[in-house]
Amino acid sequence: QVQLMQSGGGLVQAGGSLRLSCVASGSIASINAMGWYRQAPGMQRELVATITMGGVGTNYADSVKGRFTISRDSAKNTVYLQMNSLKPEDTAVYYCNSRSLGGSSYWGQGTQVTVSS
């Protein structure tokens, strides 16, 4: 099993920046990719960004391209989401996710990001 512990988030004005962190523990060697998802009130959870464990392959939702950057520090088993030029529509609960080669998927506890206009 994989445990994911998130930190970061909070309240920021539009145009500001925040950074989310996600530390993985447990069966880390089984992880193939990690990512960030978000869920706004009344909306379905949506993908924000993913990164392969090789750190080479990244993928972003169109709505965050050019503003958000996903990265990883393998020595710290940590994935980051740097969020710049935040907009009110970025307000949501953000979840860290890991996927293993066997298909297992794990989620972090979620963290609130609120962007005021």
Protein backbone atom coordinates (compact mmCIF):
# COMPACT_ATOMS: atom_id res chain seq x y z
CA GLN A 1 0.00 0.00 0.00
CA VAL A 2 0.95 3.63 -0.49
CA GLN A 3 0.26 6.45 1.93
CA LEU A 4 0.11 10.03 0.66
CA MET A 5 0.43 13.02 2.97
CA GLN A 6 -0.41 16.43 1.53
CA SER A 7 0.56 19.89 2.72
CA GLY A 8 0.22 23.41 1.44
CA GLY A 9 -2.84 25.15 0.10
CA GLY A 10 -4.84 27.90 1.73
CA LEU A 11 -6.30 31.25 0.78
CA VAL A 12 -4.71 33.52 -1.81
CA GLN A 13 -5.78 36.47 -3.91
CA ALA A 14 -6.20 36.15 -7.66
CA GLY A 15 -2.85 36.37 -9.38
CA GLY A 16 -1.05 34.88 -6.41
CA SER A 17 0.86 31.64 -6.01
CA LEU A 18 0.71 28.54 -3.84
CA ARG A 19 2.65 25.32 -3.68
CA LEU A 20 1.25 21.93 -2.75
CA SER A 21 3.39 19.04 -1.56
CA CYS A 22 2.66 15.33 -1.39
CA VAL A 23 4.94 12.90 0.43
CA ALA A 24 4.61 9.23 -0.45
CA SER A 25 5.43 6.37 1.91
CA GLY A 26 4.90 2.64 2.00
CA SER A 27 5.26 0.64 -1.24
CA ILE A 28 6.96 3.47 -3.08
CA ALA A 29 8.77 1.19 -5.52
CA SER A 30 5.43 0.14 -6.98
CA ILE A 31 4.43 3.68 -7.99
CA ASN A 32 4.41 4.32 -11.73
CA ALA A 33 3.03 7.84 -11.79
CA MET A 34 1.70 10.52 -9.47
CA GLY A 35 -0.57 13.43 -10.03
CA TRP A 36 -2.85 16.11 -8.72
CA TYR A 37 -6.60 16.24 -9.12
CA ARG A 38 -9.12 18.78 -7.90
CA GLN A 39 -12.79 18.87 -7.07
CA ALA A 40 -14.85 22.03 -6.86
CA PRO A 41 -18.21 22.07 -5.05
CA GLY A 42 -20.87 20.31 -7.08
CA MET A 43 -18.32 19.24 -9.70
CA GLN A 44 -16.64 15.99 -10.56
CA ARG A 45 -13.02 15.43 -9.62
CA GLU A 46 -10.79 16.42 -12.53
CA LEU A 47 -7.19 15.88 -13.45
CA VAL A 48 -4.85 18.79 -12.97
CA ALA A 49 -1.40 17.36 -13.72
CA THR A 50 0.49 14.08 -13.70
CA ILE A 51 4.13 13.09 -13.72
CA THR A 52 5.82 9.76 -14.31
CA MET A 53 8.21 8.43 -11.72
CA GLY A 54 11.04 8.90 -14.19
CA GLY A 55 10.16 12.56 -13.94
CA VAL A 56 10.28 13.00 -17.69
CA GLY A 57 6.65 12.65 -18.66
CA THR A 58 4.23 15.33 -17.52
CA ASN A 59 0.64 16.04 -18.48
CA TYR A 60 -1.52 19.07 -17.70
CA ALA A 61 -5.15 20.01 -17.99
CA ASP A 62 -5.61 22.72 -20.60
CA SER A 63 -7.00 25.05 -17.95
CA VAL A 64 -3.71 25.11 -16.01
CA LYS A 65 -1.11 24.89 -18.77
CA GLY A 66 1.45 27.65 -18.48
CA ARG A 67 0.40 28.45 -14.91
CA PHE A 68 0.93 25.24 -12.93
CA THR A 69 4.05 23.08 -12.77
CA ILE A 70 4.26 19.54 -11.41
CA SER A 71 7.63 18.26 -10.26
CA ARG A 72 9.12 15.57 -8.07
CA ASP A 73 12.03 15.10 -5.68
CA SER A 74 12.83 11.39 -5.71
CA ALA A 75 15.17 11.69 -2.74
CA LYS A 76 12.28 13.00 -0.63
CA ASN A 77 9.56 10.84 -2.26
CA THR A 78 7.70 14.08 -2.79
CA VAL A 79 5.67 15.53 -5.63
CA TYR A 80 4.96 19.24 -5.85
CA LEU A 81 2.40 21.37 -7.62
CA GLN A 82 3.50 24.95 -8.09
CA MET A 83 0.49 27.09 -8.87
CA ASN A 84 1.05 30.57 -10.27
CA SER A 85 -1.32 33.22 -11.62
CA LEU A 86 -4.14 31.65 -9.66
CA LYS A 87 -7.70 32.39 -10.68
CA PRO A 88 -10.95 32.16 -8.69
CA GLU A 89 -11.93 29.20 -10.85
CA ASP A 90 -8.95 27.30 -9.44
CA THR A 91 -10.75 27.16 -6.10
CA ALA A 92 -11.23 23.51 -5.16
CA VAL A 93 -10.07 20.72 -2.92
CA TYR A 94 -6.85 19.36 -4.38
CA TYR A 95 -5.97 15.69 -4.07
CA CYS A 96 -2.67 13.93 -4.58
CA ASN A 97 -2.85 10.57 -6.38
CA SER A 98 -0.47 7.71 -7.02
CA ARG A 99 -0.88 4.89 -9.51
CA SER A 100 1.01 1.63 -9.45
CA LEU A 101 1.93 -0.66 -12.33
CA GLY A 102 -0.57 -3.19 -11.03
CA GLY A 103 -3.36 -0.62 -11.33
CA SER A 104 -3.69 0.31 -7.66
CA SER A 105 -4.61 3.93 -7.01
CA TYR A 106 -4.21 5.83 -3.78
CA TRP A 107 -5.34 9.29 -2.67
CA GLY A 108 -4.10 11.91 -0.29
CA GLN A 109 -6.37 13.50 2.29
CA GLY A 110 -7.14 16.57 0.19
CA THR A 111 -6.30 20.20 0.79
CA GLN A 112 -8.41 23.28 0.21
CA VAL A 113 -7.23 25.96 -2.20
CA THR A 114 -9.31 29.13 -2.24
CA VAL A 115 -8.61 31.98 -4.64
CA SER A 116 -10.37 35.25 -3.92
CA SER A 117 -11.16 37.78 -6.62
